[in-house]
Amino acid sequence: MNNELLEVKSLLEHRQNLKIDTRGRGKSSFLYVRSSERASEVSIEGDGFFVEYWDDANEESDKAPTKSEILKSVSEVVESLVEWLRA
């Protein structure tokens, strides 16, 4: 798992209403973060992070992401996830 993804995970772990899973291996590693209502995936994309957002936290749903974006820093990712997941 990439060190920057581990840093994102570490900064979110204290939030009790979030569940965080590390998934994939090597370059395909990503974080799956969810609250009771919404979910997000975070992976490394070039020099930044590719973040996808879902309105539905149901893992079995085949819905396309509600939105996605590329963010440049760990702090931007954490801020965006906290806002999206209402954490």
PDB file of N, CA and C in Angstrom:
ATOM      1  N   MET A   1       0.855  -1.175   0.000  1.00  0.00           N
ATOM      2  CA  MET A   1       0.000   0.000   0.000  1.00  0.00           C
ATOM      3  C   MET A   1       0.899   1.236   0.000  1.00  0.00           C
ATOM      4  N   ASN A   2       0.564   2.190  -0.818  1.00  0.00           N
ATOM      5  CA  ASN A   2       1.291   3.446  -0.937  1.00  0.00           C
ATOM      6  C   ASN A   2       1.283   4.209   0.391  1.00  0.00           C
ATOM      7  N   ASN A   3       2.419   4.827   0.733  1.00  0.00           N
ATOM      8  CA  ASN A   3       2.534   5.571   1.994  1.00  0.00           C
ATOM      9  C   ASN A   3       1.532   6.711   2.104  1.00  0.00           C
ATOM     10  N   GLU A   4       1.238   7.385   0.997  1.00  0.00           N
ATOM     11  CA  GLU A   4       0.278   8.492   1.049  1.00  0.00           C
ATOM     12  C   GLU A   4      -1.134   7.982   1.314  1.00  0.00           C
ATOM     13  N   LEU A   5      -1.494   6.830   0.747  1.00  0.00           N
ATOM     14  CA  LEU A   5      -2.802   6.243   1.049  1.00  0.00           C
ATOM     15  C   LEU A   5      -2.876   5.840   2.517  1.00  0.00           C
ATOM     16  N   LEU A   6      -1.776   5.301   3.045  1.00  0.00           N
ATOM     17  CA  LEU A   6      -1.744   4.949   4.468  1.00  0.00           C
ATOM     18  C   LEU A   6      -1.879   6.186   5.347  1.00  0.00           C
ATOM     19  N   GLU A   7      -1.335   7.308   4.894  1.00  0.00           N
ATOM     20  CA  GLU A   7      -1.476   8.559   5.643  1.00  0.00           C
ATOM     21  C   GLU A   7      -2.927   9.025   5.656  1.00  0.00           C
ATOM     22  N   VAL A   8      -3.609   8.936   4.504  1.00  0.00           N
ATOM     23  CA  VAL A   8      -5.040   9.279   4.438  1.00  0.00           C
ATOM     24  C   VAL A   8      -5.806   8.394   5.415  1.00  0.00           C
ATOM     25  N   LYS A   9      -5.534   7.098   5.376  1.00  0.00           N
ATOM     26  CA  LYS A   9      -6.213   6.161   6.274  1.00  0.00           C
ATOM     27  C   LYS A   9      -5.984   6.541   7.733  1.00  0.00           C
ATOM     28  N   SER A  10      -4.753   6.831   8.078  1.00  0.00           N
ATOM     29  CA  SER A  10      -4.408   7.201   9.448  1.00  0.00           C
ATOM     30  C   SER A  10      -5.152   8.449   9.918  1.00  0.00           C
ATOM     31  N   LEU A  11      -5.288   9.427   9.037  1.00  0.00           N
ATOM     32  CA  LEU A  11      -5.958  10.680   9.401  1.00  0.00           C
ATOM     33  C   LEU A  11      -7.479  10.521   9.532  1.00  0.00           C
ATOM     34  N   LEU A  12      -8.028   9.461   8.945  1.00  0.00           N
ATOM     35  CA  LEU A  12      -9.474   9.230   9.013  1.00  0.00           C
ATOM     36  C   LEU A  12      -9.879   8.215  10.082  1.00  0.00           C
ATOM     37  N   GLU A  13      -8.931   7.424  10.552  1.00  0.00           N
ATOM     38  CA  GLU A  13      -9.261   6.313  11.452  1.00  0.00           C
ATOM     39  C   GLU A  13      -9.920   6.736  12.749  1.00  0.00           C
ATOM     40  N   HIS A  14      -9.663   7.934  13.236  1.00  0.00           N
ATOM     41  CA  HIS A  14     -10.251   8.369  14.507  1.00  0.00           C
ATOM     42  C   HIS A  14     -11.721   8.746  14.391  1.00  0.00           C
ATOM     43  N   ARG A  15     -12.228   8.843  13.182  1.00  0.00           N
ATOM     44  CA  ARG A  15     -13.641   9.207  12.985  1.00  0.00           C
ATOM     45  C   ARG A  15     -14.490   7.946  13.129  1.00  0.00           C
ATOM     46  N   GLN A  16     -15.285   7.890  14.184  1.00  0.00           N
ATOM     47  CA  GLN A  16     -15.994   6.675  14.557  1.00  0.00           C
ATOM     48  C   GLN A  16     -17.066   6.235  13.568  1.00  0.00           C
ATOM     49  N   ASN A  17     -17.613   7.154  12.808  1.00  0.00           N
ATOM     50  CA  ASN A  17     -18.707   6.769  11.910  1.00  0.00           C
ATOM     51  C   ASN A  17     -18.208   6.333  10.527  1.00  0.00           C
ATOM     52  N   LEU A  18     -16.889   6.180  10.356  1.00  0.00           N
ATOM     53  CA  LEU A  18     -16.340   5.744   9.078  1.00  0.00           C
ATOM     54  C   LEU A  18     -15.780   4.333   9.170  1.00  0.00           C
ATOM     55  N   LYS A  19     -15.965   3.579   8.098  1.00  0.00           N
ATOM     56  CA  LYS A  19     -15.325   2.273   7.956  1.00  0.00           C
ATOM     57  C   LYS A  19     -14.331   2.407   6.808  1.00  0.00           C
ATOM     58  N   ILE A  20     -13.108   1.957   7.026  1.00  0.00           N
ATOM     59  CA  ILE A  20     -12.046   2.116   6.036  1.00  0.00           C
ATOM     60  C   ILE A  20     -11.427   0.755   5.744  1.00  0.00           C
ATOM     61  N   ASP A  21     -11.430   0.373   4.476  1.00  0.00           N
ATOM     62  CA  ASP A  21     -10.806  -0.876   4.049  1.00  0.00           C
ATOM     63  C   ASP A  21      -9.685  -0.568   3.071  1.00  0.00           C
ATOM     64  N   THR A  22      -8.591  -1.305   3.182  1.00  0.00           N
ATOM     65  CA  THR A  22      -7.539  -1.234   2.172  1.00  0.00           C
ATOM     66  C   THR A  22      -7.792  -2.398   1.221  1.00  0.00           C
ATOM     67  N   ARG A  23      -7.755  -2.111  -0.056  1.00  0.00           N
ATOM     68  CA  ARG A  23      -8.063  -3.128  -1.059  1.00  0.00           C
ATOM     69  C   ARG A  23      -7.048  -3.080  -2.187  1.00  0.00           C
ATOM     70  N   GLY A  24      -6.984  -4.158  -2.942  1.00  0.00           N
ATOM     71  CA  GLY A  24      -6.059  -4.229  -4.059  1.00  0.00           C
ATOM     72  C   GLY A  24      -4.637  -4.486  -3.590  1.00  0.00           C
ATOM     73  N   ARG A  25      -3.731  -4.548  -4.558  1.00  0.00           N
ATOM     74  CA  ARG A  25      -2.326  -4.802  -4.245  1.00  0.00           C
ATOM     75  C   ARG A  25      -1.442  -3.963  -5.145  1.00  0.00           C
ATOM     76  N   GLY A  26      -0.293  -3.587  -4.627  1.00  0.00           N
ATOM     77  CA  GLY A  26       0.695  -2.854  -5.412  1.00  0.00           C
ATOM     78  C   GLY A  26       0.127  -1.576  -5.994  1.00  0.00           C
ATOM     79  N   LYS A  27       0.325  -1.387  -7.297  1.00  0.00           N
ATOM     80  CA  LYS A  27      -0.167  -0.176  -7.972  1.00  0.00           C
ATOM     81  C   LYS A  27      -1.684  -0.124  -8.046  1.00  0.00           C
ATOM     82  N   SER A  28      -2.334  -1.246  -7.785  1.00  0.00           N
ATOM     83  CA  SER A  28      -3.801  -1.295  -7.806  1.00  0.00           C
ATOM     84  C   SER A  28      -4.409  -1.101  -6.419  1.00  0.00           C
ATOM     85  N   SER A  29      -3.608  -0.703  -5.447  1.00  0.00           N
ATOM     86  CA  SER A  29      -4.108  -0.490  -4.088  1.00  0.00           C
ATOM     87  C   SER A  29      -5.014   0.730  -4.029  1.00  0.00           C
ATOM     88  N   PHE A  30      -6.023   0.643  -3.179  1.00  0.00           N
ATOM     89  CA  PHE A  30      -6.902   1.793  -2.961  1.00  0.00           C
ATOM     90  C   PHE A  30      -7.561   1.683  -1.602  1.00  0.00           C
ATOM     91  N   LEU A  31      -8.114   2.791  -1.148  1.00  0.00           N
ATOM     92  CA  LEU A  31      -8.895   2.827   0.082  1.00  0.00           C
ATOM     93  C   LEU A  31     -10.364   2.867  -0.281  1.00  0.00           C
ATOM     94  N   TYR A  32     -11.169   2.100   0.424  1.00  0.00           N
ATOM     95  CA  TYR A  32     -12.622   2.163   0.297  1.00  0.00           C
ATOM     96  C   TYR A  32     -13.126   2.691   1.632  1.00  0.00           C
ATOM     97  N   VAL A  33     -13.717   3.876   1.612  1.00  0.00           N
ATOM     98  CA  VAL A  33     -14.145   4.560   2.836  1.00  0.00           C
ATOM     99  C   VAL A  33     -15.649   4.777   2.751  1.00  0.00           C
ATOM    100  N   ARG A  34     -16.361   4.431   3.836  1.00  0.00           N
ATOM    101  CA  ARG A  34     -17.813   4.597   3.793  1.00  0.00           C
ATOM    102  C   ARG A  34     -18.360   5.018   5.147  1.00  0.00           C
ATOM    103  N   SER A  35     -19.445   5.752   5.051  1.00  0.00           N
ATOM    104  CA  SER A  35     -20.245   6.088   6.217  1.00  0.00           C
ATOM    105  C   SER A  35     -21.526   5.273   6.087  1.00  0.00           C
ATOM    106  N   SER A  36     -22.509   5.557   6.893  1.00  0.00           N
ATOM    107  CA  SER A  36     -23.760   4.803   6.784  1.00  0.00           C
ATOM    108  C   SER A  36     -24.520   5.138   5.506  1.00  0.00           C
ATOM    109  N   GLU A  37     -24.246   6.300   4.905  1.00  0.00           N
ATOM    110  CA  GLU A  37     -25.013   6.751   3.747  1.00  0.00           C
ATOM    111  C   GLU A  37     -24.234   6.799   2.434  1.00  0.00           C
ATOM    112  N   ARG A  38     -22.940   7.103   2.490  1.00  0.00           N
ATOM    113  CA  ARG A  38     -22.159   7.347   1.276  1.00  0.00           C
ATOM    114  C   ARG A  38     -20.844   6.577   1.303  1.00  0.00           C
ATOM    115  N   ALA A  39     -20.203   6.520   0.131  1.00  0.00           N
ATOM    116  CA  ALA A  39     -18.923   5.808   0.032  1.00  0.00           C
ATOM    117  C   ALA A  39     -17.985   6.536  -0.924  1.00  0.00           C
ATOM    118  N   SER A  40     -16.686   6.226  -0.786  1.00  0.00           N
ATOM    119  CA  SER A  40     -15.657   6.790  -1.661  1.00  0.00           C
ATOM    120  C   SER A  40     -14.531   5.784  -1.836  1.00  0.00           C
ATOM    121  N   GLU A  41     -13.857   5.887  -2.961  1.00  0.00           N
ATOM    122  CA  GLU A  41     -12.634   5.130  -3.203  1.00  0.00           C
ATOM    123  C   GLU A  41     -11.533   6.127  -3.497  1.00  0.00           C
ATOM    124  N   VAL A  42     -10.338   5.853  -2.977  1.00  0.00           N
ATOM    125  CA  VAL A  42      -9.185   6.718  -3.187  1.00  0.00           C
ATOM    126  C   VAL A  42      -8.033   5.866  -3.692  1.00  0.00           C
ATOM    127  N   SER A  43      -7.468   6.251  -4.823  1.00  0.00           N
ATOM    128  CA  SER A  43      -6.305   5.563  -5.362  1.00  0.00           C
ATOM    129  C   SER A  43      -5.291   6.604  -5.831  1.00  0.00           C
ATOM    130  N   ILE A  44      -4.094   6.140  -6.112  1.00  0.00           N
ATOM    131  CA  ILE A  44      -3.042   7.026  -6.606  1.00  0.00           C
ATOM    132  C   ILE A  44      -3.202   7.175  -8.113  1.00  0.00           C
ATOM    133  N   GLU A  45      -3.110   8.409  -8.581  1.00  0.00           N
ATOM    134  CA  GLU A  45      -3.224   8.731 -10.009  1.00  0.00           C
ATOM    135  C   GLU A  45      -2.107   9.701 -10.356  1.00  0.00           C
ATOM    136  N   GLY A  46      -1.066   9.224 -11.000  1.00  0.00           N
ATOM    137  CA  GLY A  46       0.054  10.101 -11.354  1.00  0.00           C
ATOM    138  C   GLY A  46       0.652  10.728 -10.117  1.00  0.00           C
ATOM    139  N   ASP A  47       0.648  12.061 -10.070  1.00  0.00           N
ATOM    140  CA  ASP A  47       1.206  12.796  -8.934  1.00  0.00           C
ATOM    141  C   ASP A  47       0.161  13.146  -7.882  1.00  0.00           C
ATOM    142  N   GLY A  48      -1.044  12.598  -7.996  1.00  0.00           N
ATOM    143  CA  GLY A  48      -2.099  12.946  -7.060  1.00  0.00           C
ATOM    144  C   GLY A  48      -2.946  11.739  -6.697  1.00  0.00           C
ATOM    145  N   PHE A  49      -4.180  12.016  -6.345  1.00  0.00           N
ATOM    146  CA  PHE A  49      -5.126  10.999  -5.910  1.00  0.00           C
ATOM    147  C   PHE A  49      -6.364  11.050  -6.791  1.00  0.00           C
ATOM    148  N   PHE A  50      -6.852   9.900  -7.199  1.00  0.00           N
ATOM    149  CA  PHE A  50      -8.111   9.799  -7.928  1.00  0.00           C
ATOM    150  C   PHE A  50      -9.159   9.388  -6.906  1.00  0.00           C
ATOM    151  N   VAL A  51     -10.189  10.220  -6.741  1.00  0.00           N
ATOM    152  CA  VAL A  51     -11.215   9.973  -5.729  1.00  0.00           C
ATOM    153  C   VAL A  51     -12.569   9.847  -6.436  1.00  0.00           C
ATOM    154  N   GLU A  52     -13.270   8.755  -6.126  1.00  0.00           N
ATOM    155  CA  GLU A  52     -14.619   8.536  -6.651  1.00  0.00           C
ATOM    156  C   GLU A  52     -15.598   8.579  -5.483  1.00  0.00           C
ATOM    157  N   TYR A  53     -16.788   9.102  -5.753  1.00  0.00           N
ATOM    158  CA  TYR A  53     -17.791   9.314  -4.705  1.00  0.00           C
ATOM    159  C   TYR A  53     -19.116   8.666  -5.115  1.00  0.00           C
ATOM    160  N   TRP A  54     -19.741   7.968  -4.167  1.00  0.00           N
ATOM    161  CA  TRP A  54     -21.062   7.377  -4.389  1.00  0.00           C
ATOM    162  C   TRP A  54     -22.043   7.903  -3.357  1.00  0.00           C
ATOM    163  N   ASP A  55     -23.279   8.148  -3.795  1.00  0.00           N
ATOM    164  CA  ASP A  55     -24.349   8.557  -2.884  1.00  0.00           C
ATOM    165  C   ASP A  55     -24.862   7.383  -2.056  1.00  0.00           C
ATOM    166  N   ASP A  56     -24.553   6.177  -2.486  1.00  0.00           N
ATOM    167  CA  ASP A  56     -25.058   4.968  -1.854  1.00  0.00           C
ATOM    168  C   ASP A  56     -23.882   4.177  -1.279  1.00  0.00           C
ATOM    169  N   ALA A  57     -23.941   3.789  -0.020  1.00  0.00           N
ATOM    170  CA  ALA A  57     -22.856   3.043   0.616  1.00  0.00           C
ATOM    171  C   ALA A  57     -23.012   1.537   0.433  1.00  0.00           C
ATOM    172  N   ASN A  58     -23.986   1.098  -0.342  1.00  0.00           N
ATOM    173  CA  ASN A  58     -24.214  -0.320  -0.584  1.00  0.00           C
ATOM    174  C   ASN A  58     -23.135  -0.866  -1.518  1.00  0.00           C
ATOM    175  N   GLU A  59     -22.263  -1.723  -1.001  1.00  0.00           N
ATOM    176  CA  GLU A  59     -21.160  -2.268  -1.788  1.00  0.00           C
ATOM    177  C   GLU A  59     -21.626  -3.139  -2.945  1.00  0.00           C
ATOM    178  N   GLU A  60     -22.796  -3.683  -2.847  1.00  0.00           N
ATOM    179  CA  GLU A  60     -23.285  -4.593  -3.879  1.00  0.00           C
ATOM    180  C   GLU A  60     -23.947  -3.858  -5.032  1.00  0.00           C
ATOM    181  N   SER A  61     -24.047  -2.573  -4.936  1.00  0.00           N
ATOM    182  CA  SER A  61     -24.640  -1.771  -6.001  1.00  0.00           C
ATOM    183  C   SER A  61     -23.656  -1.643  -7.165  1.00  0.00           C
ATOM    184  N   ASP A  62     -24.166  -1.720  -8.378  1.00  0.00           N
ATOM    185  CA  ASP A  62     -23.322  -1.569  -9.568  1.00  0.00           C
ATOM    186  C   ASP A  62     -23.399  -0.160 -10.141  1.00  0.00           C
ATOM    187  N   LYS A  63     -23.861   0.781  -9.358  1.00  0.00           N
ATOM    188  CA  LYS A  63     -24.005   2.159  -9.825  1.00  0.00           C
ATOM    189  C   LYS A  63     -22.649   2.778 -10.139  1.00  0.00           C
ATOM    190  N   ALA A  64     -22.656   3.626 -11.141  1.00  0.00           N
ATOM    191  CA  ALA A  64     -21.463   4.411 -11.458  1.00  0.00           C
ATOM    192  C   ALA A  64     -21.284   5.466 -10.367  1.00  0.00           C
ATOM    193  N   PRO A  65     -20.059   5.924 -10.162  1.00  0.00           N
ATOM    194  CA  PRO A  65     -19.854   6.973  -9.155  1.00  0.00           C
ATOM    195  C   PRO A  65     -20.688   8.211  -9.457  1.00  0.00           C
ATOM    196  N   THR A  66     -21.111   8.899  -8.415  1.00  0.00           N
ATOM    197  CA  THR A  66     -21.844  10.149  -8.547  1.00  0.00           C
ATOM    198  C   THR A  66     -20.943  11.227  -9.131  1.00  0.00           C
ATOM    199  N   LYS A  67     -19.687  11.218  -8.695  1.00  0.00           N
ATOM    200  CA  LYS A  67     -18.697  12.153  -9.225  1.00  0.00           C
ATOM    201  C   LYS A  67     -17.311  11.590  -8.961  1.00  0.00           C
ATOM    202  N   SER A  68     -16.321  12.161  -9.612  1.00  0.00           N
ATOM    203  CA  SER A  68     -14.931  11.800  -9.372  1.00  0.00           C
ATOM    204  C   SER A  68     -14.067  13.032  -9.604  1.00  0.00           C
ATOM    205  N   GLU A  69     -12.882  13.020  -9.009  1.00  0.00           N
ATOM    206  CA  GLU A  69     -11.965  14.138  -9.188  1.00  0.00           C
ATOM    207  C   GLU A  69     -10.549  13.696  -8.857  1.00  0.00           C
ATOM    208  N   ILE A  70      -9.599  14.484  -9.312  1.00  0.00           N
ATOM    209  CA  ILE A  70      -8.204  14.264  -8.977  1.00  0.00           C
ATOM    210  C   ILE A  70      -7.780  15.368  -8.020  1.00  0.00           C
ATOM    211  N   LEU A  71      -7.235  14.956  -6.881  1.00  0.00           N
ATOM    212  CA  LEU A  71      -6.770  15.898  -5.868  1.00  0.00           C
ATOM    213  C   LEU A  71      -5.262  15.742  -5.713  1.00  0.00           C
ATOM    214  N   LYS A  72      -4.600  16.808  -5.302  1.00  0.00           N
ATOM    215  CA  LYS A  72      -3.136  16.832  -5.287  1.00  0.00           C
ATOM    216  C   LYS A  72      -2.488  16.471  -3.960  1.00  0.00           C
ATOM    217  N   SER A  73      -3.187  16.602  -2.836  1.00  0.00           N
ATOM    218  CA  SER A  73      -2.518  16.397  -1.550  1.00  0.00           C
ATOM    219  C   SER A  73      -3.360  15.541  -0.603  1.00  0.00           C
ATOM    220  N   VAL A  74      -2.682  14.980   0.384  1.00  0.00           N
ATOM    221  CA  VAL A  74      -3.350  14.198   1.421  1.00  0.00           C
ATOM    222  C   VAL A  74      -4.395  15.050   2.127  1.00  0.00           C
ATOM    223  N   SER A  75      -4.051  16.287   2.454  1.00  0.00           N
ATOM    224  CA  SER A  75      -5.003  17.146   3.170  1.00  0.00           C
ATOM    225  C   SER A  75      -6.249  17.433   2.337  1.00  0.00           C
ATOM    226  N   GLU A  76      -6.101  17.628   1.032  1.00  0.00           N
ATOM    227  CA  GLU A  76      -7.267  17.837   0.162  1.00  0.00           C
ATOM    228  C   GLU A  76      -8.160  16.602   0.153  1.00  0.00           C
ATOM    229  N   VAL A  77      -7.549  15.430   0.096  1.00  0.00           N
ATOM    230  CA  VAL A  77      -8.318  14.183   0.079  1.00  0.00           C
ATOM    231  C   VAL A  77      -9.094  14.028   1.382  1.00  0.00           C
ATOM    232  N   VAL A  78      -8.431  14.214   2.498  1.00  0.00           N
ATOM    233  CA  VAL A  78      -9.087  14.063   3.794  1.00  0.00           C
ATOM    234  C   VAL A  78     -10.238  15.059   3.929  1.00  0.00           C
ATOM    235  N   GLU A  79      -9.999  16.308   3.580  1.00  0.00           N
ATOM    236  CA  GLU A  79     -11.040  17.333   3.664  1.00  0.00           C
ATOM    237  C   GLU A  79     -12.238  16.976   2.784  1.00  0.00           C
ATOM    238  N   SER A  80     -11.971  16.529   1.568  1.00  0.00           N
ATOM    239  CA  SER A  80     -13.044  16.176   0.639  1.00  0.00           C
ATOM    240  C   SER A  80     -13.846  14.978   1.146  1.00  0.00           C
ATOM    241  N   LEU A  81     -13.153  13.951   1.665  1.00  0.00           N
ATOM    242  CA  LEU A  81     -13.846  12.785   2.175  1.00  0.00           C
ATOM    243  C   LEU A  81     -14.692  13.105   3.394  1.00  0.00           C
ATOM    244  N   VAL A  82     -14.156  13.894   4.301  1.00  0.00           N
ATOM    245  CA  VAL A  82     -14.913  14.273   5.495  1.00  0.00           C
ATOM    246  C   VAL A  82     -16.189  15.012   5.097  1.00  0.00           C
ATOM    247  N   GLU A  83     -16.073  15.927   4.144  1.00  0.00           N
ATOM    248  CA  GLU A  83     -17.252  16.658   3.684  1.00  0.00           C
ATOM    249  C   GLU A  83     -18.250  15.730   3.007  1.00  0.00           C
ATOM    250  N   TRP A  84     -17.784  14.889   2.078  1.00  0.00           N
ATOM    251  CA  TRP A  84     -18.678  14.004   1.322  1.00  0.00           C
ATOM    252  C   TRP A  84     -19.381  12.982   2.225  1.00  0.00           C
ATOM    253  N   LEU A  85     -18.594  12.406   3.134  1.00  0.00           N
ATOM    254  CA  LEU A  85     -19.127  11.341   3.982  1.00  0.00           C
ATOM    255  C   LEU A  85     -19.803  11.874   5.245  1.00  0.00           C
ATOM    256  N   ARG A  86     -19.774  13.188   5.371  1.00  0.00           N
ATOM    257  CA  ARG A  86     -20.393  13.847   6.531  1.00  0.00           C
ATOM    258  C   ARG A  86     -19.838  13.285   7.828  1.00  0.00           C
ATOM    259  N   ALA A  87     -18.530  13.157   7.839  1.00  0.00           N
ATOM    260  CA  ALA A  87     -17.874  12.507   8.989  1.00  0.00           C
ATOM    261  C   ALA A  87     -17.513  13.527  10.065  1.00  0.00           C
TER     262      ALA A  87
END
